[in-house]
C-alpha atoms as a PDB file:
ATOM      1  CA  MET A   1     -43.725   8.132  13.824  1.00  0.00           C
ATOM      2  CA  GLU A   2     -43.303   7.655  17.801  1.00  0.00           C
ATOM      3  CA  GLN A   3     -46.389   7.630  20.255  1.00  0.00           C
ATOM      4  CA  ASN A   4     -46.543   8.992  23.870  1.00  0.00           C
ATOM      5  CA  GLY A   5     -42.775   9.152  22.775  1.00  0.00           C
ATOM      6  CA  GLN A   6     -42.029   6.410  24.959  1.00  0.00           C
ATOM      7  CA  PRO A   7     -39.056   4.949  21.957  1.00  0.00           C
ATOM      8  CA  GLY A   8     -38.070   8.124  21.212  1.00  0.00           C
ATOM      9  CA  ASP A   9     -36.746   8.810  24.909  1.00  0.00           C
ATOM     10  CA  ARG A  10     -35.393   5.159  24.654  1.00  0.00           C
ATOM     11  CA  ALA A  11     -33.603   5.959  22.147  1.00  0.00           C
ATOM     12  CA  GLU A  12     -32.470  10.175  24.447  1.00  0.00           C
ATOM     13  CA  GLN A  13     -31.635   7.390  27.086  1.00  0.00           C
ATOM     14  CA  ARG A  14     -28.717   4.367  25.875  1.00  0.00           C
ATOM     15  CA  GLY A  15     -26.988   7.974  24.809  1.00  0.00           C
ATOM     16  CA  PRO A  16     -23.455   7.475  21.987  1.00  0.00           C
ATOM     17  CA  ALA A  17     -21.766   3.547  21.634  1.00  0.00           C
ATOM     18  CA  PHE A  18     -17.735   2.808  22.821  1.00  0.00           C
ATOM     19  CA  CYS A  19     -15.737   0.661  21.500  1.00  0.00           C
ATOM     20  CA  TYR A  20     -16.247  -3.056  23.373  1.00  0.00           C
ATOM     21  CA  ARG A  21     -12.338  -3.256  22.675  1.00  0.00           C
ATOM     22  CA  HIS A  22     -12.108   0.253  24.078  1.00  0.00           C
ATOM     23  CA  PRO A  23     -14.766   1.594  26.077  1.00  0.00           C
ATOM     24  CA  ASP A  24     -12.761   5.077  25.931  1.00  0.00           C
ATOM     25  CA  ARG A  25     -13.739   5.545  22.400  1.00  0.00           C
ATOM     26  CA  GLU A  26     -17.241   6.404  21.213  1.00  0.00           C
ATOM     27  CA  THR A  27     -18.356   5.225  17.387  1.00  0.00           C
ATOM     28  CA  GLY A  28     -21.121   4.808  15.303  1.00  0.00           C
ATOM     29  CA  ILE A  29     -19.838   0.946  13.831  1.00  0.00           C
ATOM     30  CA  SER A  30     -21.016  -1.984  14.657  1.00  0.00           C
ATOM     31  CA  CYS A  31     -19.781  -5.770  13.665  1.00  0.00           C
ATOM     32  CA  ALA A  32     -22.367  -6.557  11.600  1.00  0.00           C
ATOM     33  CA  ARG A  33     -22.289  -9.483  12.124  1.00  0.00           C
ATOM     34  CA  CYS A  34     -21.761 -10.048  16.140  1.00  0.00           C
ATOM     35  CA  GLU A  35     -23.603  -6.464  16.685  1.00  0.00           C
ATOM     36  CA  ARG A  36     -21.249  -5.018  18.925  1.00  0.00           C
ATOM     37  CA  ALA A  37     -19.780  -1.189  18.833  1.00  0.00           C
ATOM     38  CA  ILE A  38     -16.327  -1.478  17.471  1.00  0.00           C
ATOM     39  CA  CYS A  39     -14.189   1.899  16.706  1.00  0.00           C
ATOM     40  CA  THR A  40     -11.837   2.481  13.167  1.00  0.00           C
ATOM     41  CA  ASP A  41      -9.390   0.913  14.848  1.00  0.00           C
ATOM     42  CA  CYS A  42     -10.970  -2.781  15.275  1.00  0.00           C
ATOM     43  CA  MET A  43     -13.155  -2.786  12.320  1.00  0.00           C
ATOM     44  CA  ILE A  44     -12.853  -4.676   9.484  1.00  0.00           C
ATOM     45  CA  PRO A  45     -14.434  -4.424   5.616  1.00  0.00           C
ATOM     46  CA  ALA A  46     -16.139  -7.318   4.976  1.00  0.00           C
ATOM     47  CA  SER A  47     -18.450  -7.981   1.798  1.00  0.00           C
ATOM     48  CA  VAL A  48     -21.046  -5.619   3.617  1.00  0.00           C
ATOM     49  CA  GLY A  49     -19.747  -3.086   6.362  1.00  0.00           C
ATOM     50  CA  PHE A  50     -17.102  -3.767   8.963  1.00  0.00           C
ATOM     51  CA  GLN A  51     -16.811  -7.450  11.428  1.00  0.00           C
ATOM     52  CA  CYS A  52     -15.217  -6.958  14.842  1.00  0.00           C
ATOM     53  CA  PRO A  53     -11.677  -9.679  15.047  1.00  0.00           C
ATOM     54  CA  GLU A  54     -13.286 -11.278  16.831  1.00  0.00           C
ATOM     55  CA  CYS A  55     -15.847 -12.879  14.335  1.00  0.00           C
ATOM     56  CA  VAL A  56     -13.151 -12.670  11.741  1.00  0.00           C
ATOM     57  CA  SER A  57     -10.394 -14.575  13.979  1.00  0.00           C
ATOM     58  CA  SER A  58     -13.381 -17.077  14.989  1.00  0.00           C
ATOM     59  CA  GLY A  59     -15.569 -17.460  11.805  1.00  0.00           C
ATOM     60  CA  SER A  60     -18.672 -17.447  13.143  1.00  0.00           C
ATOM     61  CA  GLY A  61     -19.976 -15.162  14.964  1.00  0.00           C
ATOM     62  CA  THR A  62     -23.658 -16.112  13.536  1.00  0.00           C
ATOM     63  CA  GLY A  63     -23.134 -19.948  14.091  1.00  0.00           C
ATOM     64  CA  HIS A  64     -20.988 -20.966  11.189  1.00  0.00           C
ATOM     65  CA  PRO A  65     -17.853 -23.041  11.318  1.00  0.00           C
ATOM     66  CA  PRO A  66     -14.813 -21.634  10.675  1.00  0.00           C
ATOM     67  CA  GLY A  67     -14.251 -21.468   7.156  1.00  0.00           C
ATOM     68  CA  ALA A  68     -18.200 -21.353   5.710  1.00  0.00           C
ATOM     69  CA  ASN A  69     -19.317 -18.942   3.601  1.00  0.00           C
ATOM     70  CA  GLN A  70     -16.624 -16.787   5.874  1.00  0.00           C
ATOM     71  CA  PRO A  71     -16.597 -13.352   4.012  1.00  0.00           C
ATOM     72  CA  ARG A  72     -14.252 -11.754   2.290  1.00  0.00           C
ATOM     73  CA  THR A  73     -13.214  -8.527   1.411  1.00  0.00           C
ATOM     74  CA  ILE A  74     -14.058  -5.860  -1.113  1.00  0.00           C
ATOM     75  CA  ALA A  75     -11.414  -6.725  -2.813  1.00  0.00           C
ATOM     76  CA  GLY A  76     -11.986 -11.356  -2.210  1.00  0.00           C
ATOM     77  CA  GLY A  77      -9.107 -11.169   0.018  1.00  0.00           C
ATOM     78  CA  SER A  78      -9.273 -13.497   3.228  1.00  0.00           C
ATOM     79  CA  LEU A  79     -10.472 -11.019   6.766  1.00  0.00           C
ATOM     80  CA  THR A  80      -7.928 -10.764   9.289  1.00  0.00           C
ATOM     81  CA  SER A  81      -8.176  -9.901  12.988  1.00  0.00           C
ATOM     82  CA  ASP A  82      -4.677  -8.055  12.887  1.00  0.00           C
ATOM     83  CA  PRO A  83      -5.640  -5.644   9.431  1.00  0.00           C
ATOM     84  CA  ARG A  84      -2.289  -4.231  10.169  1.00  0.00           C
ATOM     85  CA  LEU A  85       0.943  -7.113  10.207  1.00  0.00           C
ATOM     86  CA  VAL A  86       2.448  -6.701   6.225  1.00  0.00           C
ATOM     87  CA  THR A  87       2.109  -2.537   7.136  1.00  0.00           C
ATOM     88  CA  LYS A  88       4.083  -3.272   9.806  1.00  0.00           C
ATOM     89  CA  ALA A  89       6.412  -5.801   8.604  1.00  0.00           C
ATOM     90  CA  LEU A  90       7.169  -3.293   5.575  1.00  0.00           C
ATOM     91  CA  LEU A  91       7.585  -0.470   7.879  1.00  0.00           C
ATOM     92  CA  GLY A  92      10.158  -2.622  10.165  1.00  0.00           C
ATOM     93  CA  VAL A  93      12.274  -4.481   7.473  1.00  0.00           C
ATOM     94  CA  ASN A  94      13.002  -0.551   5.725  1.00  0.00           C
ATOM     95  CA  VAL A  95      13.002   0.904   9.476  1.00  0.00           C
ATOM     96  CA  ALA A  96      16.552  -2.402   9.046  1.00  0.00           C
ATOM     97  CA  VAL A  97      17.476  -2.079   6.471  1.00  0.00           C
ATOM     98  CA  PHE A  98      18.030   1.796   6.936  1.00  0.00           C
ATOM     99  CA  LEU A  99      19.788   1.006  10.926  1.00  0.00           C
ATOM    100  CA  ALA A 100      22.184  -1.362   8.491  1.00  0.00           C
ATOM    101  CA  VAL A 101      23.027   0.957   5.609  1.00  0.00           C
ATOM    102  CA  LEU A 102      24.131   3.683   8.537  1.00  0.00           C
ATOM    103  CA  ALA A 103      25.897   0.978  10.408  1.00  0.00           C
ATOM    104  CA  GLY A 104      27.731  -0.915   7.256  1.00  0.00           C
ATOM    105  CA  GLY A 105      28.103   2.911   5.257  1.00  0.00           C
ATOM    106  CA  ASN A 106      28.905   3.547   1.406  1.00  0.00           C
ATOM    107  CA  GLN A 107      29.228  -0.299   0.784  1.00  0.00           C
ATOM    108  CA  LEU A 108      26.189  -1.144   1.639  1.00  0.00           C
ATOM    109  CA  LEU A 109      24.601   1.229   0.418  1.00  0.00           C
ATOM    110  CA  ASP A 110      26.151   1.108  -2.830  1.00  0.00           C
ATOM    111  CA  ARG A 111      25.767  -2.934  -4.163  1.00  0.00           C
ATOM    112  CA  MET A 112      21.256  -1.258  -3.283  1.00  0.00           C
ATOM    113  CA  LEU A 113      20.715   1.638  -5.052  1.00  0.00           C
ATOM    114  CA  LEU A 114      19.375   1.823  -8.033  1.00  0.00           C
ATOM    115  CA  PHE A 115      21.716   2.019 -10.983  1.00  0.00           C
ATOM    116  CA  GLY A 116      20.356   2.261 -14.510  1.00  0.00           C
ATOM    117  CA  GLN A 117      24.507   1.739 -15.527  1.00  0.00           C
ATOM    118  CA  ALA A 118      27.481   1.282 -14.876  1.00  0.00           C
ATOM    119  CA  ALA A 119      28.871   4.584 -12.501  1.00  0.00           C
ATOM    120  CA  THR A 120      32.756   4.879 -11.459  1.00  0.00           C
ATOM    121  CA  GLU A 121      32.396   8.814 -10.019  1.00  0.00           C
ATOM    122  CA  ALA A 122      31.804   9.406  -6.422  1.00  0.00           C
ATOM    123  CA  TYR A 123      29.463   5.782  -6.279  1.00  0.00           C
ATOM    124  CA  GLY A 124      32.597   4.125  -8.093  1.00  0.00           C
ATOM    125  CA  PRO A 125      33.086   1.146  -8.868  1.00  0.00           C
ATOM    126  CA  VAL A 126      29.428  -0.554  -9.489  1.00  0.00           C
ATOM    127  CA  GLU A 127      27.424  -1.897 -12.078  1.00  0.00           C
ATOM    128  CA  GLY A 128      23.652  -0.809 -12.125  1.00  0.00           C
ATOM    129  CA  VAL A 129      20.653  -2.851 -13.496  1.00  0.00           C
ATOM    130  CA  ALA A 130      22.235  -2.027 -17.683  1.00  0.00           C
ATOM    131  CA  GLU A 131      25.077  -4.758 -16.491  1.00  0.00           C
ATOM    132  CA  GLY A 132      22.758  -7.336 -15.237  1.00  0.00           C
ATOM    133  CA  GLN A 133      22.194  -6.318 -11.528  1.00  0.00           C
ATOM    134  CA  TRP A 134      17.360  -6.005 -11.608  1.00  0.00           C
ATOM    135  CA  TYR A 135      18.028  -7.181  -8.152  1.00  0.00           C
ATOM    136  CA  ARG A 136      18.626  -3.303  -7.549  1.00  0.00           C
ATOM    137  CA  LEU A 137      14.974  -2.277  -8.520  1.00  0.00           C
ATOM    138  CA  LEU A 138      13.278  -4.538  -5.745  1.00  0.00           C
ATOM    139  CA  THR A 139      16.478  -2.934  -2.724  1.00  0.00           C
ATOM    140  CA  SER A 140      16.144   0.180  -3.608  1.00  0.00           C
ATOM    141  CA  MET A 141      12.738   1.293  -2.267  1.00  0.00           C
ATOM    142  CA  PHE A 142      13.586  -0.146   0.868  1.00  0.00           C
ATOM    143  CA  LEU A 143      16.724   2.109   1.273  1.00  0.00           C
ATOM    144  CA  HIS A 144      17.104   5.794   2.811  1.00  0.00           C
ATOM    145  CA  GLN A 145      19.878   7.541   3.584  1.00  0.00           C
ATOM    146  CA  GLU A 146      17.938  10.284   5.478  1.00  0.00           C
ATOM    147  CA  ILE A 147      16.333   9.921   8.454  1.00  0.00           C
ATOM    148  CA  TRP A 148      13.754  13.049   6.537  1.00  0.00           C
ATOM    149  CA  HIS A 149      13.320  10.660   3.960  1.00  0.00           C
ATOM    150  CA  ILE A 150      12.819   7.401   5.489  1.00  0.00           C
ATOM    151  CA  ALA A 151      10.513   9.596   7.912  1.00  0.00           C
ATOM    152  CA  MET A 152       8.270  10.614   5.604  1.00  0.00           C
ATOM    153  CA  ASN A 153       7.561   7.258   3.516  1.00  0.00           C
ATOM    154  CA  MET A 154       7.442   5.423   6.906  1.00  0.00           C
ATOM    155  CA  LEU A 155       4.770   8.174   7.725  1.00  0.00           C
ATOM    156  CA  GLY A 156       2.712   7.890   4.925  1.00  0.00           C
ATOM    157  CA  LEU A 157       2.979   3.444   4.758  1.00  0.00           C
ATOM    158  CA  TRP A 158       1.751   3.847   8.158  1.00  0.00           C
ATOM    159  CA  PHE A 159      -1.275   5.758   7.659  1.00  0.00           C
ATOM    160  CA  LEU A 160      -2.609   3.934   3.712  1.00  0.00           C
ATOM    161  CA  GLY A 161      -0.839   0.703   4.425  1.00  0.00           C
ATOM    162  CA  PRO A 162      -3.884  -0.253   6.869  1.00  0.00           C
ATOM    163  CA  PRO A 163      -7.223   0.949   5.608  1.00  0.00           C
ATOM    164  CA  LEU A 164      -5.167  -0.974   2.671  1.00  0.00           C
ATOM    165  CA  GLU A 165      -4.961  -3.752   3.501  1.00  0.00           C
ATOM    166  CA  ALA A 166      -7.340  -4.312   4.993  1.00  0.00           C
ATOM    167  CA  ALA A 167      -9.545  -3.710   2.204  1.00  0.00           C
ATOM    168  CA  LEU A 168      -7.683  -6.162   0.169  1.00  0.00           C
ATOM    169  CA  GLY A 169      -6.066  -8.222   2.402  1.00  0.00           C
ATOM    170  CA  ARG A 170      -2.464  -8.870   3.224  1.00  0.00           C
ATOM    171  CA  VAL A 171      -1.395 -11.064  -0.505  1.00  0.00           C
ATOM    172  CA  ARG A 172      -3.041  -8.321  -2.639  1.00  0.00           C
ATOM    173  CA  PHE A 173      -1.639  -5.408  -1.008  1.00  0.00           C
ATOM    174  CA  LEU A 174       1.479  -6.270  -0.597  1.00  0.00           C
ATOM    175  CA  GLY A 175       1.675  -7.336  -4.505  1.00  0.00           C
ATOM    176  CA  LEU A 176      -0.172  -4.034  -4.829  1.00  0.00           C
ATOM    177  CA  TYR A 177       3.060  -2.384  -2.775  1.00  0.00           C
ATOM    178  CA  LEU A 178       7.008  -4.176  -4.107  1.00  0.00           C
ATOM    179  CA  VAL A 179       5.018  -4.171  -7.977  1.00  0.00           C
ATOM    180  CA  SER A 180       3.817  -0.275  -7.954  1.00  0.00           C
ATOM    181  CA  GLY A 181       8.022   0.361  -6.364  1.00  0.00           C
ATOM    182  CA  LEU A 182       9.057  -2.371  -9.007  1.00  0.00           C
ATOM    183  CA  GLY A 183       6.704   0.221 -11.190  1.00  0.00           C
ATOM    184  CA  GLY A 184       8.420   3.402  -9.799  1.00  0.00           C
ATOM    185  CA  GLY A 185      12.477   2.037 -10.351  1.00  0.00           C
ATOM    186  CA  ALA A 186      11.457   0.166 -14.109  1.00  0.00           C
ATOM    187  CA  LEU A 187      10.104   4.229 -15.919  1.00  0.00           C
ATOM    188  CA  THR A 188      12.668   6.132 -13.742  1.00  0.00           C
ATOM    189  CA  TYR A 189      15.554   3.576 -15.417  1.00  0.00           C
ATOM    190  CA  MET A 190      13.920   3.829 -18.353  1.00  0.00           C
ATOM    191  CA  ILE A 191      14.054   7.990 -18.484  1.00  0.00           C
ATOM    192  CA  ALA A 192      16.555   8.727 -15.721  1.00  0.00           C
ATOM    193  CA  ALA A 193      19.845   9.914 -16.166  1.00  0.00           C
ATOM    194  CA  PRO A 194      22.242   6.070 -16.373  1.00  0.00           C
ATOM    195  CA  GLN A 195      24.515   7.016 -13.674  1.00  0.00           C
ATOM    196  CA  GLN A 196      21.968   9.219 -11.852  1.00  0.00           C
ATOM    197  CA  PRO A 197      21.354   6.632  -7.849  1.00  0.00           C
ATOM    198  CA  SER A 198      18.029   6.444  -6.644  1.00  0.00           C
ATOM    199  CA  LEU A 199      16.240   4.829  -3.462  1.00  0.00           C
ATOM    200  CA  GLY A 200      13.760   4.925  -1.537  1.00  0.00           C
ATOM    201  CA  ALA A 201      10.161   3.342  -1.167  1.00  0.00           C
ATOM    202  CA  SER A 202       8.608   7.167  -2.919  1.00  0.00           C
ATOM    203  CA  GLY A 203       6.878   4.768  -5.388  1.00  0.00           C
ATOM    204  CA  ALA A 204       5.838   2.150  -3.559  1.00  0.00           C
ATOM    205  CA  ILE A 205       4.544   5.044  -1.429  1.00  0.00           C
ATOM    206  CA  PHE A 206       2.108   6.376  -4.448  1.00  0.00           C
ATOM    207  CA  GLY A 207       1.327   3.499  -5.092  1.00  0.00           C
ATOM    208  CA  LEU A 208      -0.564   3.329  -2.433  1.00  0.00           C
ATOM    209  CA  PHE A 209      -2.358   6.333  -2.649  1.00  0.00           C
ATOM    210  CA  GLY A 210      -3.258   5.807  -6.829  1.00  0.00           C
ATOM    211  CA  ALA A 211      -5.022   2.819  -4.609  1.00  0.00           C
ATOM    212  CA  THR A 212      -6.925   4.636  -1.937  1.00  0.00           C
ATOM    213  CA  ALA A 213      -8.187   7.127  -3.713  1.00  0.00           C
ATOM    214  CA  ILE A 214      -9.715   3.664  -5.818  1.00  0.00           C
ATOM    215  CA  LEU A 215     -10.583   2.331  -3.370  1.00  0.00           C
ATOM    216  CA  MET A 216     -12.415   5.488  -1.844  1.00  0.00           C
ATOM    217  CA  ARG A 217     -13.962   6.205  -5.021  1.00  0.00           C
ATOM    218  CA  ARG A 218     -15.142   2.619  -5.148  1.00  0.00           C
ATOM    219  CA  MET A 219     -16.963   2.591  -1.690  1.00  0.00           C
ATOM    220  CA  ARG A 220     -18.278   6.416  -2.187  1.00  0.00           C
ATOM    221  CA  TYR A 221     -16.323   8.115   0.448  1.00  0.00           C
ATOM    222  CA  ASP A 222     -15.179  11.402   0.087  1.00  0.00           C
ATOM    223  CA  MET A 223     -12.258  11.760  -2.264  1.00  0.00           C
ATOM    224  CA  ARG A 224     -11.188  15.406  -1.171  1.00  0.00           C
ATOM    225  CA  PRO A 225      -9.040  14.416   1.356  1.00  0.00           C
ATOM    226  CA  VAL A 226      -6.929  11.673   0.079  1.00  0.00           C
ATOM    227  CA  LEU A 227      -6.588  14.295  -3.483  1.00  0.00           C
ATOM    228  CA  ILE A 228      -5.781  17.397  -1.591  1.00  0.00           C
ATOM    229  CA  LEU A 229      -3.105  14.849   0.161  1.00  0.00           C
ATOM    230  CA  LEU A 230      -1.396  13.316  -3.516  1.00  0.00           C
ATOM    231  CA  ALA A 231      -1.460  16.730  -5.360  1.00  0.00           C
ATOM    232  CA  ILE A 232       0.205  17.997  -2.159  1.00  0.00           C
ATOM    233  CA  ASN A 233       2.680  15.095  -2.688  1.00  0.00           C
ATOM    234  CA  LEU A 234       2.634  15.710  -6.744  1.00  0.00           C
ATOM    235  CA  VAL A 235       3.773  19.899  -6.389  1.00  0.00           C
ATOM    236  CA  PHE A 236       7.068  18.485  -3.296  1.00  0.00           C
ATOM    237  CA  THR A 237       7.544  15.951  -6.176  1.00  0.00           C
ATOM    238  CA  PHE A 238       8.208  18.319  -8.828  1.00  0.00           C
ATOM    239  CA  THR A 239       9.640  21.352  -6.892  1.00  0.00           C
ATOM    240  CA  TRP A 240      12.213  19.539  -4.417  1.00  0.00           C
ATOM    241  CA  ASN A 241      15.537  19.569  -5.178  1.00  0.00           C
ATOM    242  CA  ASN A 242      16.766  15.164  -5.530  1.00  0.00           C
ATOM    243  CA  ILE A 243      13.806  13.699  -6.231  1.00  0.00           C
ATOM    244  CA  ALA A 244      13.442  11.044  -8.701  1.00  0.00           C
ATOM    245  CA  TRP A 245      10.087  12.391  -9.974  1.00  0.00           C
ATOM    246  CA  GLU A 246       9.866   9.252 -12.197  1.00  0.00           C
ATOM    247  CA  ALA A 247       9.746   6.576  -9.159  1.00  0.00           C
ATOM    248  CA  HIS A 248       6.536   8.741  -7.839  1.00  0.00           C
ATOM    249  CA  ILE A 249       4.795   9.062 -11.290  1.00  0.00           C
ATOM    250  CA  GLY A 250       5.495   5.291 -12.527  1.00  0.00           C
ATOM    251  CA  GLY A 251       4.291   4.209  -8.616  1.00  0.00           C
ATOM    252  CA  LEU A 252       1.196   6.248  -8.597  1.00  0.00           C
ATOM    253  CA  VAL A 253       0.344   4.435 -12.332  1.00  0.00           C
ATOM    254  CA  VAL A 254       0.596   1.197 -11.756  1.00  0.00           C
ATOM    255  CA  GLY A 255      -0.664   1.210  -8.137  1.00  0.00           C
ATOM    256  CA  VAL A 256      -3.816   3.088  -9.700  1.00  0.00           C
ATOM    257  CA  LEU A 257      -4.268   0.079 -11.915  1.00  0.00           C
ATOM    258  CA  LEU A 258      -3.640  -2.487 -10.011  1.00  0.00           C
ATOM    259  CA  ALA A 259      -6.202  -1.266  -7.534  1.00  0.00           C
ATOM    260  CA  TYR A 260      -8.574  -0.452 -10.328  1.00  0.00           C
ATOM    261  CA  ALA A 261      -8.631  -3.900 -11.119  1.00  0.00           C
ATOM    262  CA  MET A 262      -8.478  -5.418  -7.415  1.00  0.00           C
ATOM    263  CA  VAL A 263     -11.282  -3.934  -6.609  1.00  0.00           C
ATOM    264  CA  HIS A 264     -13.732  -3.403  -9.719  1.00  0.00           C
ATOM    265  CA  ALA A 265     -12.837  -7.304 -11.097  1.00  0.00           C
ATOM    266  CA  PRO A 266     -16.456  -9.235 -11.986  1.00  0.00           C
ATOM    267  CA  ARG A 267     -16.445 -11.349  -9.257  1.00  0.00           C
ATOM    268  CA  GLU A 268     -16.925 -14.666 -11.600  1.00  0.00           C
ATOM    269  CA  LYS A 269     -13.878 -14.266 -12.743  1.00  0.00           C
ATOM    270  CA  ARG A 270     -12.376 -12.073  -9.947  1.00  0.00           C
ATOM    271  CA  LYS A 271      -8.880 -13.652  -9.153  1.00  0.00           C
ATOM    272  CA  LEU A 272      -8.325 -14.216 -13.164  1.00  0.00           C
ATOM    273  CA  VAL A 273      -9.294  -9.999 -13.740  1.00  0.00           C
ATOM    274  CA  GLN A 274      -6.609  -9.850 -10.774  1.00  0.00           C
ATOM    275  CA  TYR A 275      -3.258 -11.858 -11.697  1.00  0.00           C
ATOM    276  CA  GLY A 276      -3.810 -10.453 -14.997  1.00  0.00           C
ATOM    277  CA  ALA A 277      -3.580  -7.295 -14.146  1.00  0.00           C
ATOM    278  CA  PHE A 278      -0.645  -8.443 -11.707  1.00  0.00           C
ATOM    279  CA  ALA A 279       1.081 -10.319 -14.294  1.00  0.00           C
ATOM    280  CA  LEU A 280       0.828  -7.594 -17.404  1.00  0.00           C
ATOM    281  CA  ALA A 281       3.012  -4.783 -15.270  1.00  0.00           C
ATOM    282  CA  LEU A 282       5.287  -6.952 -14.362  1.00  0.00           C
ATOM    283  CA  LEU A 283       5.427  -8.330 -18.191  1.00  0.00           C
ATOM    284  CA  ALA A 284       5.501  -4.584 -18.462  1.00  0.00           C
ATOM    285  CA  THR A 285       8.423  -3.620 -16.403  1.00  0.00           C
ATOM    286  CA  VAL A 286      10.122  -6.559 -17.378  1.00  0.00           C
ATOM    287  CA  ALA A 287      10.098  -4.480 -20.865  1.00  0.00           C
ATOM    288  CA  VAL A 288      10.387  -1.732 -20.065  1.00  0.00           C
ATOM    289  CA  LEU A 289      14.110  -3.399 -18.457  1.00  0.00           C
ATOM    290  CA  VAL A 290      14.955  -5.083 -21.799  1.00  0.00           C
ATOM    291  CA  VAL A 291      14.117  -1.864 -23.952  1.00  0.00           C
ATOM    292  CA  ARG A 292      16.634   0.837 -22.126  1.00  0.00           C
ATOM    293  CA  THR A 293      19.220  -2.155 -21.795  1.00  0.00           C
ATOM    294  CA  MET A 294      19.071  -2.394 -25.091  1.00  0.00           C
ATOM    295  CA  GLN A 295      19.798   1.265 -25.578  1.00  0.00           C
ATOM    296  CA  LEU A 296      22.558   1.339 -23.180  1.00  0.00           C
ATOM    297  CA  THR A 297      24.721  -1.060 -24.021  1.00  0.00           C
ATOM    298  CA  PRO A 298      26.455  -1.648 -28.163  1.00  0.00           C
END
């Protein structure tokens, strides 16, 4: 209990705190090392609380030399001053491929689409995954044909990517994105009609949705917003025409499993559990490809 009202008066006089890098932004968050106020764009998750970009980049803030006992993300990744770098790179690649397809026409599109088996009709003659073109699972992840399609996927990437990249670290985040996309493509190859074309980053984006839910649960945040958004996207998945629901579900499942392994792995066995989870996901993808190829080829 405060005496004479003086401490309480001083607290009231201080008023709200504003980010030291963005003075127009009110915030209630401070750097765990230097204690300067930081906004949501400047905060970088650490093992305890958040840190500002300067403390992360210098490795100091409390007198520690660079590289000595540097804090890690909740998944064991390195903290960086730009938690959007990989997100921006992925967005740039998607947009660049979209523009290249607009300029290059159907020839480039046919080479990158995900086909289960050789097609000779509207998209032919082309060969598919069953003929050994496994690379199509990767190229189709960055391929979009309609403006609304790439707009929706890139919007999802921009909102989901930076918090995950900051929490997991760049390498783990990139692995999550790519392996989730491959998992979605593998399930599409396994279940969809062999000559049905598929394209888009939706499998990878749904992997980010699943990972976000796992991360928020681990951090004990309110999960309702992400669950509602995920539910809305699942409704669109199963009600809109010409949507490869297999890619969405495959990416979602892979994203959930990988994120769980990354944020719940015991610290003393963190790398073993995380690398093992990625290896198992890739092995499962290869197994699906082999089994489905054997079914499609005599």
